[in-house]
N, C-alpha and C. Protein backbone atom coordinates (compact mmCIF):
# COMPACT_ATOMS: atom_id res chain seq x y z
N MET A 1 32.40 7.69 6.12
CA MET A 1 30.97 7.41 6.05
C MET A 1 30.77 6.20 5.14
N ALA A 2 29.88 5.32 5.52
CA ALA A 2 29.59 4.12 4.74
C ALA A 2 28.86 4.50 3.45
N LYS A 3 29.12 3.72 2.41
CA LYS A 3 28.42 3.94 1.15
C LYS A 3 27.03 3.32 1.27
N LEU A 4 26.02 4.13 1.01
CA LEU A 4 24.65 3.67 1.13
C LEU A 4 24.09 3.39 -0.25
N PRO A 5 23.26 2.34 -0.37
CA PRO A 5 22.76 1.95 -1.68
C PRO A 5 21.70 2.90 -2.23
N TYR A 6 21.52 2.85 -3.54
CA TYR A 6 20.42 3.51 -4.25
C TYR A 6 20.42 5.03 -4.10
N GLY A 7 21.57 5.66 -4.04
CA GLY A 7 21.62 7.11 -4.04
C GLY A 7 21.23 7.76 -2.73
N PHE A 8 21.35 7.05 -1.61
CA PHE A 8 21.05 7.66 -0.32
C PHE A 8 22.02 8.80 -0.05
N ASP A 9 21.53 9.83 0.57
CA ASP A 9 22.35 10.92 1.05
C ASP A 9 22.33 10.84 2.57
N GLY A 10 23.47 10.48 3.16
CA GLY A 10 23.54 10.26 4.60
C GLY A 10 23.24 11.48 5.43
N SER A 11 23.32 12.66 4.83
CA SER A 11 23.05 13.88 5.60
C SER A 11 21.57 14.20 5.68
N ARG A 12 20.76 13.51 4.87
CA ARG A 12 19.32 13.77 4.89
C ARG A 12 18.64 12.86 5.90
N PRO A 13 17.63 13.35 6.59
CA PRO A 13 16.90 12.48 7.52
C PRO A 13 16.10 11.44 6.77
N TYR A 14 16.04 10.27 7.31
CA TYR A 14 15.26 9.19 6.70
C TYR A 14 13.98 9.01 7.50
N LEU A 15 12.85 9.20 6.85
CA LEU A 15 11.57 9.03 7.52
C LEU A 15 11.24 7.54 7.53
N ASN A 16 11.16 6.96 8.69
CA ASN A 16 10.93 5.52 8.82
C ASN A 16 9.44 5.22 8.71
N ASP A 17 8.96 5.11 7.49
CA ASP A 17 7.56 4.80 7.24
C ASP A 17 7.40 3.29 7.23
N ASP A 18 6.29 2.80 7.74
CA ASP A 18 6.08 1.35 7.76
C ASP A 18 5.83 0.78 6.37
N GLY A 19 5.59 1.62 5.38
CA GLY A 19 5.45 1.17 4.00
C GLY A 19 4.15 0.46 3.69
N LEU A 20 3.23 0.40 4.62
CA LEU A 20 2.01 -0.35 4.38
C LEU A 20 1.13 0.31 3.34
N ARG A 21 1.25 1.60 3.21
CA ARG A 21 0.40 2.29 2.25
C ARG A 21 1.18 2.70 1.00
N ASP A 22 2.47 2.35 0.94
CA ASP A 22 3.27 2.70 -0.23
C ASP A 22 2.85 1.87 -1.43
N ALA A 23 2.65 2.54 -2.54
CA ALA A 23 2.30 1.90 -3.81
C ALA A 23 1.17 0.90 -3.63
N SER A 24 0.23 1.27 -2.79
CA SER A 24 -0.87 0.35 -2.54
C SER A 24 -1.86 0.32 -3.69
N THR A 25 -1.86 1.34 -4.49
CA THR A 25 -2.73 1.35 -5.65
C THR A 25 -1.90 1.73 -6.86
N GLU A 26 -2.44 1.46 -8.02
CA GLU A 26 -1.74 1.79 -9.25
C GLU A 26 -1.51 3.30 -9.36
N THR A 27 -2.49 4.08 -8.90
CA THR A 27 -2.36 5.54 -8.96
C THR A 27 -1.17 6.02 -8.13
N GLU A 28 -1.01 5.47 -6.94
CA GLU A 28 0.11 5.84 -6.09
C GLU A 28 1.44 5.42 -6.69
N ALA A 29 1.46 4.23 -7.33
CA ALA A 29 2.69 3.76 -7.97
C ALA A 29 3.09 4.69 -9.11
N TRP A 30 2.12 5.12 -9.92
CA TRP A 30 2.42 6.04 -11.01
C TRP A 30 2.89 7.39 -10.47
N ALA A 31 2.32 7.83 -9.36
CA ALA A 31 2.75 9.09 -8.74
C ALA A 31 4.20 8.99 -8.29
N LYS A 32 4.57 7.84 -7.73
CA LYS A 32 5.96 7.64 -7.31
C LYS A 32 6.90 7.62 -8.51
N LEU A 33 6.49 6.95 -9.59
CA LEU A 33 7.32 6.94 -10.79
C LEU A 33 7.47 8.35 -11.37
N ASP A 34 6.42 9.13 -11.29
CA ASP A 34 6.49 10.51 -11.74
C ASP A 34 7.50 11.30 -10.90
N ASP A 35 7.51 11.05 -9.59
CA ASP A 35 8.49 11.70 -8.71
C ASP A 35 9.91 11.29 -9.07
N VAL A 36 10.10 9.99 -9.38
CA VAL A 36 11.42 9.50 -9.79
C VAL A 36 11.85 10.22 -11.07
N GLN A 37 10.95 10.31 -12.04
CA GLN A 37 11.26 10.96 -13.31
C GLN A 37 11.62 12.42 -13.10
N THR A 38 10.90 13.10 -12.22
CA THR A 38 11.18 14.51 -11.93
C THR A 38 12.57 14.68 -11.34
N CYS A 39 12.92 13.82 -10.38
CA CYS A 39 14.25 13.89 -9.77
C CYS A 39 15.34 13.64 -10.81
N LEU A 40 15.14 12.63 -11.65
CA LEU A 40 16.14 12.30 -12.65
C LEU A 40 16.28 13.42 -13.69
N SER A 41 15.17 14.00 -14.11
CA SER A 41 15.24 15.06 -15.12
C SER A 41 15.92 16.31 -14.57
N LYS A 42 15.82 16.54 -13.27
CA LYS A 42 16.48 17.69 -12.64
C LYS A 42 17.86 17.33 -12.11
N GLN A 43 18.29 16.09 -12.38
CA GLN A 43 19.59 15.58 -11.94
C GLN A 43 19.79 15.72 -10.43
N LYS A 44 18.72 15.39 -9.69
CA LYS A 44 18.77 15.42 -8.24
C LYS A 44 18.85 13.98 -7.72
N THR A 45 19.36 13.83 -6.51
CA THR A 45 19.40 12.53 -5.86
C THR A 45 17.97 12.12 -5.49
N LEU A 46 17.67 10.84 -5.69
CA LEU A 46 16.34 10.34 -5.33
C LEU A 46 16.18 10.39 -3.81
N PRO A 47 15.00 10.77 -3.33
CA PRO A 47 14.74 10.67 -1.89
C PRO A 47 14.86 9.20 -1.46
N PRO A 48 15.27 8.95 -0.23
CA PRO A 48 15.52 7.58 0.21
C PRO A 48 14.34 6.63 0.01
N GLU A 49 13.12 7.12 0.31
CA GLU A 49 11.96 6.22 0.20
C GLU A 49 11.70 5.82 -1.24
N LEU A 50 11.94 6.71 -2.19
CA LEU A 50 11.77 6.37 -3.60
C LEU A 50 12.89 5.46 -4.08
N ALA A 51 14.10 5.76 -3.64
CA ALA A 51 15.25 4.93 -4.04
C ALA A 51 15.09 3.49 -3.57
N VAL A 52 14.67 3.32 -2.34
CA VAL A 52 14.47 1.97 -1.81
C VAL A 52 13.33 1.27 -2.55
N TRP A 53 12.23 1.97 -2.75
CA TRP A 53 11.07 1.39 -3.44
C TRP A 53 11.46 0.89 -4.82
N LEU A 54 12.14 1.72 -5.60
CA LEU A 54 12.54 1.34 -6.95
C LEU A 54 13.66 0.31 -6.94
N GLY A 55 14.65 0.53 -6.10
CA GLY A 55 15.80 -0.39 -6.05
C GLY A 55 15.43 -1.80 -5.61
N GLU A 56 14.59 -1.91 -4.60
CA GLU A 56 14.18 -3.23 -4.12
C GLU A 56 13.31 -3.94 -5.15
N ALA A 57 12.47 -3.19 -5.86
CA ALA A 57 11.65 -3.81 -6.91
C ALA A 57 12.55 -4.38 -8.00
N ILE A 58 13.57 -3.62 -8.38
CA ILE A 58 14.50 -4.11 -9.40
C ILE A 58 15.28 -5.31 -8.88
N ARG A 59 15.77 -5.22 -7.66
CA ARG A 59 16.59 -6.29 -7.10
C ARG A 59 15.83 -7.61 -6.99
N HIS A 60 14.56 -7.57 -6.66
CA HIS A 60 13.80 -8.79 -6.41
C HIS A 60 12.97 -9.26 -7.59
N CYS A 61 13.06 -8.59 -8.72
CA CYS A 61 12.22 -8.99 -9.86
C CYS A 61 12.80 -10.15 -10.65
N GLY A 62 14.08 -10.44 -10.45
CA GLY A 62 14.69 -11.56 -11.18
C GLY A 62 14.72 -11.33 -12.68
N GLN A 63 14.85 -10.09 -13.12
CA GLN A 63 14.86 -9.69 -14.52
C GLN A 63 13.60 -10.13 -15.27
N ASN A 64 12.51 -10.26 -14.52
CA ASN A 64 11.22 -10.60 -15.10
C ASN A 64 10.39 -9.31 -15.16
N PRO A 65 10.06 -8.84 -16.38
CA PRO A 65 9.34 -7.57 -16.48
C PRO A 65 7.98 -7.58 -15.79
N ASP A 66 7.26 -8.72 -15.84
CA ASP A 66 5.96 -8.79 -15.16
C ASP A 66 6.13 -8.67 -13.65
N GLU A 67 7.16 -9.33 -13.12
CA GLU A 67 7.40 -9.26 -11.67
C GLU A 67 7.83 -7.85 -11.27
N LEU A 68 8.60 -7.17 -12.10
CA LEU A 68 8.98 -5.80 -11.81
C LEU A 68 7.73 -4.91 -11.70
N LEU A 69 6.82 -5.07 -12.63
CA LEU A 69 5.57 -4.28 -12.59
C LEU A 69 4.75 -4.62 -11.35
N ARG A 70 4.73 -5.90 -10.96
CA ARG A 70 4.00 -6.29 -9.74
C ARG A 70 4.63 -5.65 -8.51
N ARG A 71 5.95 -5.71 -8.44
CA ARG A 71 6.64 -5.17 -7.26
C ARG A 71 6.55 -3.66 -7.18
N LEU A 72 6.38 -3.00 -8.31
CA LEU A 72 6.20 -1.55 -8.30
C LEU A 72 4.76 -1.16 -7.98
N GLY A 73 3.85 -2.12 -8.05
CA GLY A 73 2.44 -1.84 -7.77
C GLY A 73 1.65 -1.49 -9.01
N LEU A 74 2.19 -1.79 -10.18
CA LEU A 74 1.53 -1.46 -11.44
C LEU A 74 0.77 -2.62 -12.04
N LYS A 75 0.92 -3.79 -11.47
CA LYS A 75 0.25 -4.98 -11.98
C LYS A 75 -0.13 -5.86 -10.80
N ARG A 76 -1.29 -6.46 -10.86
CA ARG A 76 -1.73 -7.33 -9.77
C ARG A 76 -1.00 -8.67 -9.81
N ARG A 77 -0.85 -9.25 -8.64
CA ARG A 77 -0.28 -10.60 -8.55
C ARG A 77 -1.34 -11.61 -8.96
N ARG A 78 -0.90 -12.78 -9.32
CA ARG A 78 -1.85 -13.83 -9.68
C ARG A 78 -2.77 -14.11 -8.50
N GLY A 79 -4.05 -14.18 -8.79
CA GLY A 79 -5.03 -14.48 -7.75
C GLY A 79 -5.56 -13.27 -7.03
N GLU A 80 -4.94 -12.11 -7.21
CA GLU A 80 -5.47 -10.90 -6.57
C GLU A 80 -6.58 -10.34 -7.43
N ARG A 81 -7.74 -10.23 -6.83
CA ARG A 81 -8.91 -9.78 -7.57
C ARG A 81 -9.08 -8.28 -7.55
N GLY A 82 -8.68 -7.66 -6.48
CA GLY A 82 -8.91 -6.23 -6.34
C GLY A 82 -7.78 -5.39 -6.92
N SER A 83 -8.00 -4.11 -6.96
CA SER A 83 -6.98 -3.20 -7.48
C SER A 83 -6.09 -2.67 -6.37
N TYR A 84 -6.20 -3.23 -5.18
CA TYR A 84 -5.41 -2.77 -4.04
C TYR A 84 -4.29 -3.75 -3.75
N GLY A 85 -3.15 -3.23 -3.37
CA GLY A 85 -1.99 -4.05 -3.07
C GLY A 85 -2.21 -4.92 -1.84
N ARG A 86 -1.38 -5.95 -1.75
CA ARG A 86 -1.49 -6.91 -0.66
C ARG A 86 -1.29 -6.25 0.70
N ASN A 87 -0.25 -5.41 0.82
CA ASN A 87 0.01 -4.76 2.11
C ASN A 87 -1.10 -3.80 2.50
N PHE A 88 -1.62 -3.08 1.52
CA PHE A 88 -2.72 -2.16 1.77
C PHE A 88 -3.93 -2.93 2.31
N LYS A 89 -4.28 -4.01 1.61
CA LYS A 89 -5.43 -4.81 2.04
C LYS A 89 -5.20 -5.41 3.42
N GLU A 90 -4.03 -5.98 3.66
CA GLU A 90 -3.75 -6.60 4.95
C GLU A 90 -3.85 -5.59 6.09
N TYR A 91 -3.32 -4.40 5.87
CA TYR A 91 -3.37 -3.38 6.91
C TYR A 91 -4.80 -3.01 7.26
N TRP A 92 -5.59 -2.66 6.24
CA TRP A 92 -6.95 -2.19 6.49
C TRP A 92 -7.88 -3.33 6.87
N GLN A 93 -7.63 -4.53 6.37
CA GLN A 93 -8.42 -5.67 6.78
C GLN A 93 -8.14 -5.98 8.26
N GLY A 94 -6.89 -5.83 8.66
CA GLY A 94 -6.55 -5.99 10.07
C GLY A 94 -7.25 -4.96 10.94
N ARG A 95 -7.36 -3.78 10.42
CA ARG A 95 -8.07 -2.72 11.16
C ARG A 95 -9.55 -3.07 11.31
N LEU A 96 -10.15 -3.59 10.24
CA LEU A 96 -11.55 -4.03 10.30
C LEU A 96 -11.71 -5.17 11.30
N TRP A 97 -10.78 -6.13 11.26
CA TRP A 97 -10.84 -7.25 12.19
C TRP A 97 -10.77 -6.76 13.63
N HIS A 98 -9.86 -5.83 13.88
CA HIS A 98 -9.70 -5.29 15.24
C HIS A 98 -10.99 -4.63 15.71
N LEU A 99 -11.59 -3.80 14.86
CA LEU A 99 -12.83 -3.14 15.24
C LEU A 99 -13.96 -4.15 15.44
N GLY A 100 -14.00 -5.18 14.60
CA GLY A 100 -15.04 -6.20 14.73
C GLY A 100 -14.86 -7.07 15.96
N THR A 101 -13.62 -7.42 16.28
CA THR A 101 -13.34 -8.28 17.42
C THR A 101 -13.57 -7.57 18.74
N TYR A 102 -13.18 -6.32 18.82
CA TYR A 102 -13.30 -5.56 20.06
C TYR A 102 -14.46 -4.57 19.99
N ASN A 103 -15.56 -5.01 19.42
CA ASN A 103 -16.74 -4.18 19.23
C ASN A 103 -17.60 -4.21 20.49
N LYS A 104 -17.20 -3.47 21.49
CA LYS A 104 -17.92 -3.46 22.76
C LYS A 104 -19.18 -2.60 22.70
N ASP A 105 -19.22 -1.68 21.72
CA ASP A 105 -20.36 -0.78 21.59
C ASP A 105 -21.53 -1.43 20.86
N GLY A 106 -21.30 -2.59 20.25
CA GLY A 106 -22.36 -3.24 19.49
C GLY A 106 -22.67 -2.55 18.17
N ARG A 107 -21.64 -1.93 17.58
CA ARG A 107 -21.85 -1.23 16.31
C ARG A 107 -22.09 -2.24 15.18
N SER A 108 -22.86 -1.83 14.20
CA SER A 108 -23.15 -2.68 13.05
C SER A 108 -21.94 -2.73 12.12
N ILE A 109 -21.96 -3.68 11.19
CA ILE A 109 -20.88 -3.79 10.21
C ILE A 109 -20.76 -2.50 9.40
N ASP A 110 -21.90 -1.93 9.03
CA ASP A 110 -21.87 -0.68 8.26
C ASP A 110 -21.20 0.44 9.05
N GLN A 111 -21.42 0.51 10.34
CA GLN A 111 -20.79 1.53 11.16
C GLN A 111 -19.28 1.30 11.27
N LEU A 112 -18.88 0.02 11.37
CA LEU A 112 -17.45 -0.29 11.43
C LEU A 112 -16.77 0.07 10.11
N VAL A 113 -17.42 -0.27 9.00
CA VAL A 113 -16.88 0.04 7.68
C VAL A 113 -16.77 1.56 7.51
N LYS A 114 -17.78 2.29 7.94
CA LYS A 114 -17.76 3.75 7.85
C LYS A 114 -16.62 4.32 8.68
N ALA A 115 -16.37 3.74 9.85
CA ALA A 115 -15.26 4.20 10.69
C ALA A 115 -13.92 4.01 9.99
N VAL A 116 -13.74 2.88 9.31
CA VAL A 116 -12.50 2.62 8.59
C VAL A 116 -12.38 3.55 7.39
N GLN A 117 -13.48 3.79 6.68
CA GLN A 117 -13.44 4.74 5.56
C GLN A 117 -13.05 6.13 6.05
N ASP A 118 -13.56 6.52 7.21
CA ASP A 118 -13.20 7.82 7.78
C ASP A 118 -11.71 7.87 8.13
N GLU A 119 -11.16 6.76 8.66
CA GLU A 119 -9.73 6.70 8.96
C GLU A 119 -8.91 6.84 7.68
N MET A 120 -9.35 6.16 6.61
CA MET A 120 -8.64 6.25 5.33
C MET A 120 -8.64 7.68 4.80
N THR A 121 -9.78 8.34 4.93
CA THR A 121 -9.88 9.73 4.48
C THR A 121 -8.95 10.61 5.31
N ALA A 122 -8.92 10.39 6.61
CA ALA A 122 -8.06 11.17 7.49
C ALA A 122 -6.58 10.96 7.16
N GLU A 123 -6.22 9.74 6.74
CA GLU A 123 -4.84 9.44 6.37
C GLU A 123 -4.54 9.77 4.91
N GLU A 124 -5.51 10.39 4.25
CA GLU A 124 -5.36 10.85 2.87
C GLU A 124 -5.03 9.72 1.89
N VAL A 125 -5.72 8.58 2.06
CA VAL A 125 -5.59 7.49 1.10
C VAL A 125 -6.20 7.97 -0.21
N LEU A 126 -5.46 7.78 -1.31
CA LEU A 126 -5.91 8.31 -2.60
C LEU A 126 -7.15 7.62 -3.13
N GLU A 127 -7.20 6.30 -3.02
CA GLU A 127 -8.34 5.55 -3.54
C GLU A 127 -8.97 4.74 -2.41
N VAL A 128 -9.96 5.31 -1.77
CA VAL A 128 -10.65 4.63 -0.68
C VAL A 128 -11.55 3.54 -1.29
N PRO A 129 -11.42 2.29 -0.82
CA PRO A 129 -12.27 1.22 -1.36
C PRO A 129 -13.75 1.49 -1.10
N THR A 130 -14.59 0.88 -1.91
CA THR A 130 -16.03 1.04 -1.75
C THR A 130 -16.50 0.34 -0.48
N ARG A 131 -17.70 0.68 -0.08
CA ARG A 131 -18.30 0.05 1.10
C ARG A 131 -18.38 -1.45 0.92
N GLU A 132 -18.77 -1.90 -0.28
CA GLU A 132 -18.90 -3.34 -0.55
C GLU A 132 -17.56 -4.06 -0.43
N THR A 133 -16.50 -3.43 -0.94
CA THR A 133 -15.17 -4.03 -0.85
C THR A 133 -14.76 -4.17 0.61
N LEU A 134 -14.99 -3.13 1.40
CA LEU A 134 -14.62 -3.18 2.81
C LEU A 134 -15.47 -4.21 3.56
N GLN A 135 -16.73 -4.36 3.18
CA GLN A 135 -17.56 -5.39 3.80
C GLN A 135 -17.03 -6.78 3.45
N ASP A 136 -16.56 -6.96 2.22
CA ASP A 136 -15.95 -8.23 1.82
C ASP A 136 -14.70 -8.50 2.66
N TRP A 137 -13.86 -7.48 2.83
CA TRP A 137 -12.66 -7.64 3.62
C TRP A 137 -12.99 -7.96 5.07
N PHE A 138 -14.03 -7.32 5.59
CA PHE A 138 -14.46 -7.59 6.97
C PHE A 138 -14.90 -9.04 7.12
N ALA A 139 -15.76 -9.50 6.19
CA ALA A 139 -16.26 -10.87 6.25
C ALA A 139 -15.10 -11.87 6.15
N GLU A 140 -14.16 -11.60 5.26
CA GLU A 140 -13.02 -12.49 5.09
C GLU A 140 -12.15 -12.51 6.34
N ALA A 141 -11.98 -11.35 6.97
CA ALA A 141 -11.16 -11.26 8.18
C ALA A 141 -11.81 -12.01 9.34
N MET A 142 -13.12 -11.90 9.45
CA MET A 142 -13.81 -12.50 10.59
C MET A 142 -14.04 -14.00 10.43
N THR A 143 -14.23 -14.46 9.19
CA THR A 143 -14.55 -15.87 8.97
C THR A 143 -13.41 -16.66 8.36
N GLY A 144 -12.46 -15.97 7.73
CA GLY A 144 -11.38 -16.66 7.04
C GLY A 144 -11.72 -17.05 5.62
N ASN A 145 -12.95 -16.78 5.20
CA ASN A 145 -13.38 -17.11 3.85
C ASN A 145 -13.86 -15.85 3.15
N SER A 146 -13.70 -15.83 1.82
CA SER A 146 -14.21 -14.70 1.05
C SER A 146 -15.72 -14.72 1.07
N ARG A 147 -16.31 -13.53 1.07
CA ARG A 147 -17.76 -13.40 1.08
C ARG A 147 -18.30 -13.72 -0.30
N VAL A 148 -19.39 -14.45 -0.33
CA VAL A 148 -20.05 -14.79 -1.59
C VAL A 148 -21.26 -13.89 -1.74
N ARG A 149 -21.32 -13.20 -2.86
CA ARG A 149 -22.46 -12.29 -3.09
C ARG A 149 -23.51 -12.99 -3.90
């Protein structure tokens, strides 16, 4: 059997998650770190998704502590205004764009935003963005420019 990195156990199934919602918020990143700490304190092998998340953050941080925190989702990147990770925003902004572009029912922006909030709740997103944040993401997706309030 091939040696797998970061404590993988080849006998365990690997859930192929797209990772778009992983560590999307600081709360989720801290929850993952808590899971890592629990595994280590019980001397158990890290689950594959946690091992990859932590290992890749370490590998790509270049021994820069600020970059390590950014890659773990504990610190925002330069220029990021919101508390949501880049992948999280891109995924849900894409969802807003899709609903806005293919809006055959003639639904209002508020109805589209409400639909996305309902999807987030159904997917058990820990920190659902506010209506205003989602409206900003919608405007940015549709026009290519940030909304000015």
